[in-house]
Amino acid sequence: MATVRVLPKGIEYEAADGATIMAAAQAHDYYWPTTCGGEGRCTTCLCTVVSGIENLSPRSRAEEQALIEERGLSALEEPIRLACQAHVHGDVVVEKTGVRPPFSFGQDSTETKE
């Protein structure tokens, strides 16, 4: 199992080899912002890879096309990935605002798992 750490909140969860960043988060009941439901079209799930980019699958042509259409050609030069398309093969640290831990009654919904 690989570890995915999400900044700025410091959320951390395990990902099975080959799971996408977003699917692994959702498997642990974390909310990950998306509007297309993980189909790789909206770029809402986009995250910046802080470290471990070599532990992610290469971008597919479809992911590159979505980035170009939504963010411009220069997006391909940045360390950004669609969390719904980036498959985890080792530890990675990403930055994404809006990721939230599971809500539990009696807990502050902004708490993070460490």
PDB file of N, CA and C in Angstrom:
ATOM      1  N   MET A   1       0.829  -1.191   0.000  1.00  0.00           N
ATOM      2  CA  MET A   1       0.000   0.000   0.000  1.00  0.00           C
ATOM      3  C   MET A   1       0.873   1.253   0.000  1.00  0.00           C
ATOM      4  N   ALA A   2       0.454   2.209  -0.769  1.00  0.00           N
ATOM      5  CA  ALA A   2       1.138   3.497  -0.817  1.00  0.00           C
ATOM      6  C   ALA A   2       0.403   4.488   0.083  1.00  0.00           C
ATOM      7  N   THR A   3       1.092   5.539   0.466  1.00  0.00           N
ATOM      8  CA  THR A   3       0.496   6.595   1.269  1.00  0.00           C
ATOM      9  C   THR A   3       0.321   7.834   0.406  1.00  0.00           C
ATOM     10  N   VAL A   4      -0.878   8.401   0.469  1.00  0.00           N
ATOM     11  CA  VAL A   4      -1.168   9.662  -0.206  1.00  0.00           C
ATOM     12  C   VAL A   4      -1.381  10.700   0.885  1.00  0.00           C
ATOM     13  N   ARG A   5      -0.654  11.800   0.786  1.00  0.00           N
ATOM     14  CA  ARG A   5      -0.801  12.912   1.730  1.00  0.00           C
ATOM     15  C   ARG A   5      -1.339  14.102   0.944  1.00  0.00           C
ATOM     16  N   VAL A   6      -2.384  14.731   1.484  1.00  0.00           N
ATOM     17  CA  VAL A   6      -3.036  15.839   0.809  1.00  0.00           C
ATOM     18  C   VAL A   6      -2.875  17.105   1.636  1.00  0.00           C
ATOM     19  N   LEU A   7      -2.178  18.069   1.052  1.00  0.00           N
ATOM     20  CA  LEU A   7      -1.984  19.373   1.677  1.00  0.00           C
ATOM     21  C   LEU A   7      -3.071  20.312   1.170  1.00  0.00           C
ATOM     22  N   PRO A   8      -3.466  21.352   1.845  1.00  0.00           N
ATOM     23  CA  PRO A   8      -2.813  21.922   3.015  1.00  0.00           C
ATOM     24  C   PRO A   8      -3.280  21.324   4.338  1.00  0.00           C
ATOM     25  N   LYS A   9      -4.329  20.481   4.327  1.00  0.00           N
ATOM     26  CA  LYS A   9      -4.877  19.971   5.588  1.00  0.00           C
ATOM     27  C   LYS A   9      -4.061  18.845   6.210  1.00  0.00           C
ATOM     28  N   GLY A  10      -3.154  18.246   5.450  1.00  0.00           N
ATOM     29  CA  GLY A  10      -2.357  17.155   5.998  1.00  0.00           C
ATOM     30  C   GLY A  10      -3.114  15.846   6.079  1.00  0.00           C
ATOM     31  N   ILE A  11      -4.148  15.703   5.290  1.00  0.00           N
ATOM     32  CA  ILE A  11      -4.917  14.460   5.240  1.00  0.00           C
ATOM     33  C   ILE A  11      -4.006  13.364   4.692  1.00  0.00           C
ATOM     34  N   GLU A  12      -4.090  12.185   5.270  1.00  0.00           N
ATOM     35  CA  GLU A  12      -3.256  11.075   4.836  1.00  0.00           C
ATOM     36  C   GLU A  12      -4.086   9.805   4.793  1.00  0.00           C
ATOM     37  N   TYR A  13      -3.932   9.040   3.714  1.00  0.00           N
ATOM     38  CA  TYR A  13      -4.656   7.780   3.582  1.00  0.00           C
ATOM     39  C   TYR A  13      -3.836   6.816   2.728  1.00  0.00           C
ATOM     40  N   GLU A  14      -4.197   5.542   2.815  1.00  0.00           N
ATOM     41  CA  GLU A  14      -3.510   4.524   2.031  1.00  0.00           C
ATOM     42  C   GLU A  14      -4.219   4.319   0.705  1.00  0.00           C
ATOM     43  N   ALA A  15      -3.438   3.979  -0.305  1.00  0.00           N
ATOM     44  CA  ALA A  15      -3.980   3.692  -1.627  1.00  0.00           C
ATOM     45  C   ALA A  15      -3.439   2.353  -2.109  1.00  0.00           C
ATOM     46  N   ALA A  16      -4.327   1.512  -2.570  1.00  0.00           N
ATOM     47  CA  ALA A  16      -3.902   0.243  -3.159  1.00  0.00           C
ATOM     48  C   ALA A  16      -3.159   0.537  -4.452  1.00  0.00           C
ATOM     49  N   ASP A  17      -2.203  -0.301  -4.789  1.00  0.00           N
ATOM     50  CA  ASP A  17      -1.438  -0.103  -6.015  1.00  0.00           C
ATOM     51  C   ASP A  17      -2.384  -0.060  -7.213  1.00  0.00           C
ATOM     52  N   GLY A  18      -2.297   1.019  -7.975  1.00  0.00           N
ATOM     53  CA  GLY A  18      -3.116   1.179  -9.168  1.00  0.00           C
ATOM     54  C   GLY A  18      -4.408   1.947  -8.961  1.00  0.00           C
ATOM     55  N   ALA A  19      -4.763   2.221  -7.711  1.00  0.00           N
ATOM     56  CA  ALA A  19      -5.964   3.034  -7.460  1.00  0.00           C
ATOM     57  C   ALA A  19      -5.664   4.477  -7.834  1.00  0.00           C
ATOM     58  N   THR A  20      -6.677   5.209  -8.244  1.00  0.00           N
ATOM     59  CA  THR A  20      -6.452   6.623  -8.517  1.00  0.00           C
ATOM     60  C   THR A  20      -6.405   7.382  -7.193  1.00  0.00           C
ATOM     61  N   ILE A  21      -5.811   8.555  -7.232  1.00  0.00           N
ATOM     62  CA  ILE A  21      -5.729   9.396  -6.026  1.00  0.00           C
ATOM     63  C   ILE A  21      -7.123   9.629  -5.466  1.00  0.00           C
ATOM     64  N   MET A  22      -8.049   9.980  -6.336  1.00  0.00           N
ATOM     65  CA  MET A  22      -9.406  10.306  -5.897  1.00  0.00           C
ATOM     66  C   MET A  22     -10.166   9.072  -5.421  1.00  0.00           C
ATOM     67  N   ALA A  23     -10.079   7.972  -6.139  1.00  0.00           N
ATOM     68  CA  ALA A  23     -10.789   6.752  -5.740  1.00  0.00           C
ATOM     69  C   ALA A  23     -10.295   6.245  -4.390  1.00  0.00           C
ATOM     70  N   ALA A  24      -8.988   6.344  -4.152  1.00  0.00           N
ATOM     71  CA  ALA A  24      -8.440   5.916  -2.859  1.00  0.00           C
ATOM     72  C   ALA A  24      -8.971   6.801  -1.735  1.00  0.00           C
ATOM     73  N   ALA A  25      -9.057   8.102  -1.985  1.00  0.00           N
ATOM     74  CA  ALA A  25      -9.617   9.015  -0.973  1.00  0.00           C
ATOM     75  C   ALA A  25     -11.068   8.658  -0.693  1.00  0.00           C
ATOM     76  N   GLN A  26     -11.832   8.440  -1.739  1.00  0.00           N
ATOM     77  CA  GLN A  26     -13.247   8.108  -1.579  1.00  0.00           C
ATOM     78  C   GLN A  26     -13.437   6.761  -0.895  1.00  0.00           C
ATOM     79  N   ALA A  27     -12.509   5.823  -1.099  1.00  0.00           N
ATOM     80  CA  ALA A  27     -12.586   4.524  -0.432  1.00  0.00           C
ATOM     81  C   ALA A  27     -12.462   4.666   1.080  1.00  0.00           C
ATOM     82  N   HIS A  28     -11.836   5.759   1.519  1.00  0.00           N
ATOM     83  CA  HIS A  28     -11.702   6.050   2.954  1.00  0.00           C
ATOM     84  C   HIS A  28     -12.713   7.101   3.399  1.00  0.00           C
ATOM     85  N   ASP A  29     -13.733   7.319   2.579  1.00  0.00           N
ATOM     86  CA  ASP A  29     -14.840   8.241   2.856  1.00  0.00           C
ATOM     87  C   ASP A  29     -14.459   9.713   2.868  1.00  0.00           C
ATOM     88  N   TYR A  30     -13.336  10.059   2.259  1.00  0.00           N
ATOM     89  CA  TYR A  30     -12.986  11.471   2.109  1.00  0.00           C
ATOM     90  C   TYR A  30     -13.761  12.047   0.931  1.00  0.00           C
ATOM     91  N   TYR A  31     -14.113  13.315   1.043  1.00  0.00           N
ATOM     92  CA  TYR A  31     -14.756  14.015  -0.062  1.00  0.00           C
ATOM     93  C   TYR A  31     -13.663  14.630  -0.924  1.00  0.00           C
ATOM     94  N   TRP A  32     -13.702  14.365  -2.230  1.00  0.00           N
ATOM     95  CA  TRP A  32     -12.768  14.961  -3.177  1.00  0.00           C
ATOM     96  C   TRP A  32     -13.601  15.723  -4.203  1.00  0.00           C
ATOM     97  N   PRO A  33     -13.374  17.028  -4.368  1.00  0.00           N
ATOM     98  CA  PRO A  33     -14.181  17.816  -5.300  1.00  0.00           C
ATOM     99  C   PRO A  33     -14.129  17.277  -6.732  1.00  0.00           C
ATOM    100  N   THR A  34     -15.290  17.123  -7.334  1.00  0.00           N
ATOM    101  CA  THR A  34     -15.419  16.709  -8.729  1.00  0.00           C
ATOM    102  C   THR A  34     -16.796  17.117  -9.221  1.00  0.00           C
ATOM    103  N   THR A  35     -16.901  17.434 -10.492  1.00  0.00           N
ATOM    104  CA  THR A  35     -18.217  17.712 -11.063  1.00  0.00           C
ATOM    105  C   THR A  35     -18.596  16.689 -12.124  1.00  0.00           C
ATOM    106  N   CYS A  36     -17.616  15.976 -12.678  1.00  0.00           N
ATOM    107  CA  CYS A  36     -17.917  14.972 -13.710  1.00  0.00           C
ATOM    108  C   CYS A  36     -17.962  13.559 -13.124  1.00  0.00           C
ATOM    109  N   GLY A  37     -17.740  13.432 -11.823  1.00  0.00           N
ATOM    110  CA  GLY A  37     -17.810  12.121 -11.196  1.00  0.00           C
ATOM    111  C   GLY A  37     -16.634  11.211 -11.485  1.00  0.00           C
ATOM    112  N   GLY A  38     -15.508  11.782 -11.855  1.00  0.00           N
ATOM    113  CA  GLY A  38     -14.315  10.979 -12.085  1.00  0.00           C
ATOM    114  C   GLY A  38     -14.134  10.508 -13.506  1.00  0.00           C
ATOM    115  N   GLU A  39     -14.779  11.165 -14.452  1.00  0.00           N
ATOM    116  CA  GLU A  39     -14.666  10.769 -15.856  1.00  0.00           C
ATOM    117  C   GLU A  39     -13.524  11.469 -16.587  1.00  0.00           C
ATOM    118  N   GLY A  40     -12.780  12.338 -15.892  1.00  0.00           N
ATOM    119  CA  GLY A  40     -11.620  12.984 -16.497  1.00  0.00           C
ATOM    120  C   GLY A  40     -11.953  14.103 -17.456  1.00  0.00           C
ATOM    121  N   ARG A  41     -13.111  14.719 -17.292  1.00  0.00           N
ATOM    122  CA  ARG A  41     -13.520  15.768 -18.217  1.00  0.00           C
ATOM    123  C   ARG A  41     -13.508  17.170 -17.624  1.00  0.00           C
ATOM    124  N   CYS A  42     -13.791  17.310 -16.336  1.00  0.00           N
ATOM    125  CA  CYS A  42     -14.055  18.647 -15.775  1.00  0.00           C
ATOM    126  C   CYS A  42     -12.826  19.367 -15.226  1.00  0.00           C
ATOM    127  N   THR A  43     -11.825  18.680 -14.837  1.00  0.00           N
ATOM    128  CA  THR A  43     -10.593  19.164 -14.191  1.00  0.00           C
ATOM    129  C   THR A  43     -10.829  19.724 -12.791  1.00  0.00           C
ATOM    130  N   THR A  44     -12.019  19.549 -12.241  1.00  0.00           N
ATOM    131  CA  THR A  44     -12.292  20.016 -10.877  1.00  0.00           C
ATOM    132  C   THR A  44     -11.430  19.275  -9.855  1.00  0.00           C
ATOM    133  N   CYS A  45     -11.084  18.038 -10.132  1.00  0.00           N
ATOM    134  CA  CYS A  45     -10.302  17.220  -9.198  1.00  0.00           C
ATOM    135  C   CYS A  45      -8.803  17.479  -9.298  1.00  0.00           C
ATOM    136  N   LEU A  46      -8.411  18.383 -10.187  1.00  0.00           N
ATOM    137  CA  LEU A  46      -7.006  18.665 -10.433  1.00  0.00           C
ATOM    138  C   LEU A  46      -6.243  18.951  -9.140  1.00  0.00           C
ATOM    139  N   CYS A  47      -5.066  18.367  -9.022  1.00  0.00           N
ATOM    140  CA  CYS A  47      -4.212  18.604  -7.857  1.00  0.00           C
ATOM    141  C   CYS A  47      -2.785  18.858  -8.329  1.00  0.00           C
ATOM    142  N   THR A  48      -2.037  19.548  -7.496  1.00  0.00           N
ATOM    143  CA  THR A  48      -0.619  19.795  -7.761  1.00  0.00           C
ATOM    144  C   THR A  48       0.177  18.707  -7.063  1.00  0.00           C
ATOM    145  N   VAL A  49       1.089  18.080  -7.783  1.00  0.00           N
ATOM    146  CA  VAL A  49       1.924  17.032  -7.194  1.00  0.00           C
ATOM    147  C   VAL A  49       3.140  17.708  -6.570  1.00  0.00           C
ATOM    148  N   VAL A  50       3.249  17.604  -5.252  1.00  0.00           N
ATOM    149  CA  VAL A  50       4.340  18.218  -4.503  1.00  0.00           C
ATOM    150  C   VAL A  50       5.568  17.311  -4.519  1.00  0.00           C
ATOM    151  N   SER A  51       5.339  16.024  -4.337  1.00  0.00           N
ATOM    152  CA  SER A  51       6.430  15.048  -4.407  1.00  0.00           C
ATOM    153  C   SER A  51       5.865  13.682  -4.774  1.00  0.00           C
ATOM    154  N   GLY A  52       6.715  12.858  -5.360  1.00  0.00           N
ATOM    155  CA  GLY A  52       6.317  11.507  -5.736  1.00  0.00           C
ATOM    156  C   GLY A  52       5.680  11.396  -7.101  1.00  0.00           C
ATOM    157  N   ILE A  53       5.881  12.393  -7.963  1.00  0.00           N
ATOM    158  CA  ILE A  53       5.264  12.338  -9.294  1.00  0.00           C
ATOM    159  C   ILE A  53       5.704  11.086 -10.058  1.00  0.00           C
ATOM    160  N   GLU A  54       6.895  10.592  -9.748  1.00  0.00           N
ATOM    161  CA  GLU A  54       7.385   9.369 -10.403  1.00  0.00           C
ATOM    162  C   GLU A  54       6.609   8.133  -9.950  1.00  0.00           C
ATOM    163  N   ASN A  55       5.833   8.261  -8.880  1.00  0.00           N
ATOM    164  CA  ASN A  55       5.033   7.157  -8.358  1.00  0.00           C
ATOM    165  C   ASN A  55       3.603   7.171  -8.883  1.00  0.00           C
ATOM    166  N   LEU A  56       3.347   8.021  -9.877  1.00  0.00           N
ATOM    167  CA  LEU A  56       2.034   8.084 -10.508  1.00  0.00           C
ATOM    168  C   LEU A  56       2.136   7.574 -11.937  1.00  0.00           C
ATOM    169  N   SER A  57       1.049   7.021 -12.439  1.00  0.00           N
ATOM    170  CA  SER A  57       1.008   6.588 -13.829  1.00  0.00           C
ATOM    171  C   SER A  57       1.242   7.790 -14.737  1.00  0.00           C
ATOM    172  N   PRO A  58       1.757   7.561 -15.923  1.00  0.00           N
ATOM    173  CA  PRO A  58       1.905   8.673 -16.872  1.00  0.00           C
ATOM    174  C   PRO A  58       0.524   9.208 -17.265  1.00  0.00           C
ATOM    175  N   ARG A  59       0.475  10.454 -17.681  1.00  0.00           N
ATOM    176  CA  ARG A  59      -0.783  11.021 -18.174  1.00  0.00           C
ATOM    177  C   ARG A  59      -1.200  10.286 -19.449  1.00  0.00           C
ATOM    178  N   SER A  60      -2.473   9.996 -19.535  1.00  0.00           N
ATOM    179  CA  SER A  60      -3.012   9.423 -20.771  1.00  0.00           C
ATOM    180  C   SER A  60      -3.293  10.550 -21.760  1.00  0.00           C
ATOM    181  N   ARG A  61      -3.535  10.194 -23.000  1.00  0.00           N
ATOM    182  CA  ARG A  61      -3.877  11.217 -23.994  1.00  0.00           C
ATOM    183  C   ARG A  61      -5.164  11.927 -23.607  1.00  0.00           C
ATOM    184  N   ALA A  62      -6.119  11.189 -23.057  1.00  0.00           N
ATOM    185  CA  ALA A  62      -7.394  11.788 -22.655  1.00  0.00           C
ATOM    186  C   ALA A  62      -7.183  12.806 -21.527  1.00  0.00           C
ATOM    187  N   GLU A  63      -6.319  12.468 -20.556  1.00  0.00           N
ATOM    188  CA  GLU A  63      -6.038  13.409 -19.466  1.00  0.00           C
ATOM    189  C   GLU A  63      -5.345  14.653 -20.014  1.00  0.00           C
ATOM    190  N   GLU A  64      -4.374  14.452 -20.886  1.00  0.00           N
ATOM    191  CA  GLU A  64      -3.681  15.601 -21.480  1.00  0.00           C
ATOM    192  C   GLU A  64      -4.649  16.484 -22.258  1.00  0.00           C
ATOM    193  N   GLN A  65      -5.546  15.865 -22.999  1.00  0.00           N
ATOM    194  CA  GLN A  65      -6.519  16.635 -23.781  1.00  0.00           C
ATOM    195  C   GLN A  65      -7.435  17.444 -22.860  1.00  0.00           C
ATOM    196  N   ALA A  66      -7.889  16.840 -21.771  1.00  0.00           N
ATOM    197  CA  ALA A  66      -8.745  17.561 -20.823  1.00  0.00           C
ATOM    198  C   ALA A  66      -8.000  18.741 -20.219  1.00  0.00           C
ATOM    199  N   LEU A  67      -6.743  18.544 -19.861  1.00  0.00           N
ATOM    200  CA  LEU A  67      -5.941  19.637 -19.297  1.00  0.00           C
ATOM    201  C   LEU A  67      -5.756  20.770 -20.305  1.00  0.00           C
ATOM    202  N   ILE A  68      -5.467  20.409 -21.530  1.00  0.00           N
ATOM    203  CA  ILE A  68      -5.276  21.420 -22.569  1.00  0.00           C
ATOM    204  C   ILE A  68      -6.573  22.207 -22.808  1.00  0.00           C
ATOM    205  N   GLU A  69      -7.693  21.494 -22.916  1.00  0.00           N
ATOM    206  CA  GLU A  69      -8.974  22.151 -23.183  1.00  0.00           C
ATOM    207  C   GLU A  69      -9.391  23.086 -22.051  1.00  0.00           C
ATOM    208  N   GLU A  70      -9.154  22.681 -20.823  1.00  0.00           N
ATOM    209  CA  GLU A  70      -9.606  23.459 -19.669  1.00  0.00           C
ATOM    210  C   GLU A  70      -8.577  24.457 -19.149  1.00  0.00           C
ATOM    211  N   ARG A  71      -7.287  24.159 -19.315  1.00  0.00           N
ATOM    212  CA  ARG A  71      -6.233  24.973 -18.704  1.00  0.00           C
ATOM    213  C   ARG A  71      -5.225  25.547 -19.688  1.00  0.00           C
ATOM    214  N   GLY A  72      -5.245  25.091 -20.939  1.00  0.00           N
ATOM    215  CA  GLY A  72      -4.295  25.572 -21.930  1.00  0.00           C
ATOM    216  C   GLY A  72      -3.100  24.643 -22.054  1.00  0.00           C
ATOM    217  N   LEU A  73      -2.386  24.766 -23.149  1.00  0.00           N
ATOM    218  CA  LEU A  73      -1.249  23.902 -23.452  1.00  0.00           C
ATOM    219  C   LEU A  73      -0.162  23.956 -22.380  1.00  0.00           C
ATOM    220  N   SER A  74       0.020  25.113 -21.758  1.00  0.00           N
ATOM    221  CA  SER A  74       1.072  25.250 -20.735  1.00  0.00           C
ATOM    222  C   SER A  74       0.813  24.360 -19.511  1.00  0.00           C
ATOM    223  N   ALA A  75      -0.417  23.882 -19.339  1.00  0.00           N
ATOM    224  CA  ALA A  75      -0.729  23.006 -18.204  1.00  0.00           C
ATOM    225  C   ALA A  75       0.106  21.734 -18.236  1.00  0.00           C
ATOM    226  N   LEU A  76       0.489  21.296 -19.425  1.00  0.00           N
ATOM    227  CA  LEU A  76       1.268  20.062 -19.551  1.00  0.00           C
ATOM    228  C   LEU A  76       2.681  20.217 -19.015  1.00  0.00           C
ATOM    229  N   GLU A  77       3.122  21.436 -18.805  1.00  0.00           N
ATOM    230  CA  GLU A  77       4.460  21.697 -18.268  1.00  0.00           C
ATOM    231  C   GLU A  77       4.465  21.796 -16.748  1.00  0.00           C
ATOM    232  N   GLU A  78       3.287  21.778 -16.145  1.00  0.00           N
ATOM    233  CA  GLU A  78       3.162  21.922 -14.692  1.00  0.00           C
ATOM    234  C   GLU A  78       3.030  20.553 -14.031  1.00  0.00           C
ATOM    235  N   PRO A  79       3.406  20.452 -12.739  1.00  0.00           N
ATOM    236  CA  PRO A  79       3.274  19.171 -12.026  1.00  0.00           C
ATOM    237  C   PRO A  79       1.844  18.987 -11.505  1.00  0.00           C
ATOM    238  N   ILE A  80       0.882  18.990 -12.423  1.00  0.00           N
ATOM    239  CA  ILE A  80      -0.516  18.842 -12.050  1.00  0.00           C
ATOM    240  C   ILE A  80      -1.069  17.567 -12.649  1.00  0.00           C
ATOM    241  N   ARG A  81      -2.048  16.995 -11.951  1.00  0.00           N
ATOM    242  CA  ARG A  81      -2.710  15.774 -12.423  1.00  0.00           C
ATOM    243  C   ARG A  81      -4.179  15.841 -12.081  1.00  0.00           C
ATOM    244  N   LEU A  82      -4.971  15.136 -12.874  1.00  0.00           N
ATOM    245  CA  LEU A  82      -6.362  14.923 -12.518  1.00  0.00           C
ATOM    246  C   LEU A  82      -6.374  13.768 -11.528  1.00  0.00           C
ATOM    247  N   ALA A  83      -6.881  14.003 -10.342  1.00  0.00           N
ATOM    248  CA  ALA A  83      -6.858  12.975  -9.296  1.00  0.00           C
ATOM    249  C   ALA A  83      -7.666  11.744  -9.686  1.00  0.00           C
ATOM    250  N   CYS A  84      -8.619  11.915 -10.583  1.00  0.00           N
ATOM    251  CA  CYS A  84      -9.422  10.776 -11.028  1.00  0.00           C
ATOM    252  C   CYS A  84      -8.715   9.939 -12.079  1.00  0.00           C
ATOM    253  N   GLN A  85      -7.599  10.426 -12.596  1.00  0.00           N
ATOM    254  CA  GLN A  85      -6.880   9.727 -13.662  1.00  0.00           C
ATOM    255  C   GLN A  85      -5.478   9.272 -13.262  1.00  0.00           C
ATOM    256  N   ALA A  86      -4.931   9.840 -12.200  1.00  0.00           N
ATOM    257  CA  ALA A  86      -3.565   9.532 -11.762  1.00  0.00           C
ATOM    258  C   ALA A  86      -3.567   8.288 -10.873  1.00  0.00           C
ATOM    259  N   HIS A  87      -3.012   7.209 -11.388  1.00  0.00           N
ATOM    260  CA  HIS A  87      -2.953   5.942 -10.651  1.00  0.00           C
ATOM    261  C   HIS A  87      -1.705   5.911  -9.780  1.00  0.00           C
ATOM    262  N   VAL A  88      -1.889   5.524  -8.525  1.00  0.00           N
ATOM    263  CA  VAL A  88      -0.829   5.544  -7.520  1.00  0.00           C
ATOM    264  C   VAL A  88      -0.047   4.231  -7.542  1.00  0.00           C
ATOM    265  N   HIS A  89       1.296   4.367  -7.569  1.00  0.00           N
ATOM    266  CA  HIS A  89       2.180   3.199  -7.529  1.00  0.00           C
ATOM    267  C   HIS A  89       3.282   3.385  -6.489  1.00  0.00           C
ATOM    268  N   GLY A  90       3.063   4.279  -5.539  1.00  0.00           N
ATOM    269  CA  GLY A  90       4.032   4.579  -4.486  1.00  0.00           C
ATOM    270  C   GLY A  90       3.592   5.830  -3.758  1.00  0.00           C
ATOM    271  N   ASP A  91       4.316   6.194  -2.732  1.00  0.00           N
ATOM    272  CA  ASP A  91       3.945   7.349  -1.915  1.00  0.00           C
ATOM    273  C   ASP A  91       3.948   8.636  -2.735  1.00  0.00           C
ATOM    274  N   VAL A  92       2.978   9.490  -2.439  1.00  0.00           N
ATOM    275  CA  VAL A  92       2.834  10.750  -3.150  1.00  0.00           C
ATOM    276  C   VAL A  92       2.260  11.816  -2.214  1.00  0.00           C
ATOM    277  N   VAL A  93       2.684  13.052  -2.434  1.00  0.00           N
ATOM    278  CA  VAL A  93       2.139  14.204  -1.707  1.00  0.00           C
ATOM    279  C   VAL A  93       1.556  15.140  -2.753  1.00  0.00           C
ATOM    280  N   VAL A  94       0.291  15.512  -2.557  1.00  0.00           N
ATOM    281  CA  VAL A  94      -0.375  16.422  -3.481  1.00  0.00           C
ATOM    282  C   VAL A  94      -0.980  17.582  -2.704  1.00  0.00           C
ATOM    283  N   GLU A  95      -1.272  18.646  -3.430  1.00  0.00           N
ATOM    284  CA  GLU A  95      -1.947  19.794  -2.832  1.00  0.00           C
ATOM    285  C   GLU A  95      -3.287  19.967  -3.525  1.00  0.00           C
ATOM    286  N   LYS A  96      -4.353  20.014  -2.721  1.00  0.00           N
ATOM    287  CA  LYS A  96      -5.696  20.196  -3.247  1.00  0.00           C
ATOM    288  C   LYS A  96      -6.591  20.761  -2.153  1.00  0.00           C
ATOM    289  N   THR A  97      -7.126  21.948  -2.374  1.00  0.00           N
ATOM    290  CA  THR A  97      -8.080  22.498  -1.420  1.00  0.00           C
ATOM    291  C   THR A  97      -9.435  21.851  -1.649  1.00  0.00           C
ATOM    292  N   GLY A  98     -10.240  21.825  -0.610  1.00  0.00           N
ATOM    293  CA  GLY A  98     -11.587  21.287  -0.719  1.00  0.00           C
ATOM    294  C   GLY A  98     -11.732  19.831  -0.351  1.00  0.00           C
ATOM    295  N   VAL A  99     -10.623  19.114  -0.164  1.00  0.00           N
ATOM    296  CA  VAL A  99     -10.702  17.721   0.275  1.00  0.00           C
ATOM    297  C   VAL A  99     -11.074  17.730   1.746  1.00  0.00           C
ATOM    298  N   ARG A 100     -12.098  16.941   2.076  1.00  0.00           N
ATOM    299  CA  ARG A 100     -12.580  16.930   3.455  1.00  0.00           C
ATOM    300  C   ARG A 100     -12.636  15.512   4.004  1.00  0.00           C
ATOM    301  N   PRO A 101     -12.331  15.397   5.299  1.00  0.00           N
ATOM    302  CA  PRO A 101     -12.418  14.075   5.939  1.00  0.00           C
ATOM    303  C   PRO A 101     -13.876  13.670   6.123  1.00  0.00           C
ATOM    304  N   PRO A 102     -14.092  12.385   6.404  1.00  0.00           N
ATOM    305  CA  PRO A 102     -15.466  11.925   6.650  1.00  0.00           C
ATOM    306  C   PRO A 102     -16.085  12.695   7.804  1.00  0.00           C
ATOM    307  N   PHE A 103     -17.357  12.991   7.690  1.00  0.00           N
ATOM    308  CA  PHE A 103     -18.057  13.688   8.766  1.00  0.00           C
ATOM    309  C   PHE A 103     -18.541  12.676   9.783  1.00  0.00           C
ATOM    310  N   SER A 104     -18.275  12.954  11.050  1.00  0.00           N
ATOM    311  CA  SER A 104     -18.775  12.120  12.142  1.00  0.00           C
ATOM    312  C   SER A 104     -19.477  13.028  13.126  1.00  0.00           C
ATOM    313  N   PHE A 105     -20.639  12.615  13.594  1.00  0.00           N
ATOM    314  CA  PHE A 105     -21.345  13.406  14.583  1.00  0.00           C
ATOM    315  C   PHE A 105     -20.485  13.555  15.822  1.00  0.00           C
ATOM    316  N   GLY A 106     -20.429  14.764  16.353  1.00  0.00           N
ATOM    317  CA  GLY A 106     -19.632  15.018  17.544  1.00  0.00           C
ATOM    318  C   GLY A 106     -18.212  15.430  17.239  1.00  0.00           C
ATOM    319  N   GLN A 107     -17.849  15.452  15.956  1.00  0.00           N
ATOM    320  CA  GLN A 107     -16.508  15.877  15.558  1.00  0.00           C
ATOM    321  C   GLN A 107     -16.617  17.126  14.718  1.00  0.00           C
ATOM    322  N   ASP A 108     -15.613  17.948  14.799  1.00  0.00           N
ATOM    323  CA  ASP A 108     -15.504  19.093  13.917  1.00  0.00           C
ATOM    324  C   ASP A 108     -15.201  18.578  12.524  1.00  0.00           C
ATOM    325  N   SER A 109     -15.986  18.952  11.527  1.00  0.00           N
ATOM    326  CA  SER A 109     -15.799  18.429  10.174  1.00  0.00           C
ATOM    327  C   SER A 109     -14.485  18.869   9.537  1.00  0.00           C
ATOM    328  N   THR A 110     -13.731  19.761  10.192  1.00  0.00           N
ATOM    329  CA  THR A 110     -12.442  20.181   9.633  1.00  0.00           C
ATOM    330  C   THR A 110     -11.289  19.374  10.202  1.00  0.00           C
ATOM    331  N   GLU A 111     -11.570  18.437  11.115  1.00  0.00           N
ATOM    332  CA  GLU A 111     -10.495  17.610  11.680  1.00  0.00           C
ATOM    333  C   GLU A 111      -9.853  16.771  10.611  1.00  0.00           C
ATOM    334  N   THR A 112      -8.580  16.483  10.797  1.00  0.00           N
ATOM    335  CA  THR A 112      -7.873  15.629   9.846  1.00  0.00           C
ATOM    336  C   THR A 112      -7.405  14.378  10.535  1.00  0.00           C
ATOM    337  N   LYS A 113      -7.257  13.324   9.754  1.00  0.00           N
ATOM    338  CA  LYS A 113      -6.672  12.083  10.266  1.00  0.00           C
ATOM    339  C   LYS A 113      -5.169  12.190  10.113  1.00  0.00           C
ATOM    340  N   GLU A 114      -4.456  11.911  11.121  1.00  0.00           N
ATOM    341  CA  GLU A 114      -2.983  11.916  11.051  1.00  0.00           C
ATOM    342  C   GLU A 114      -2.485  10.548  11.434  1.00  0.00           C
TER     343      GLU A 114
END
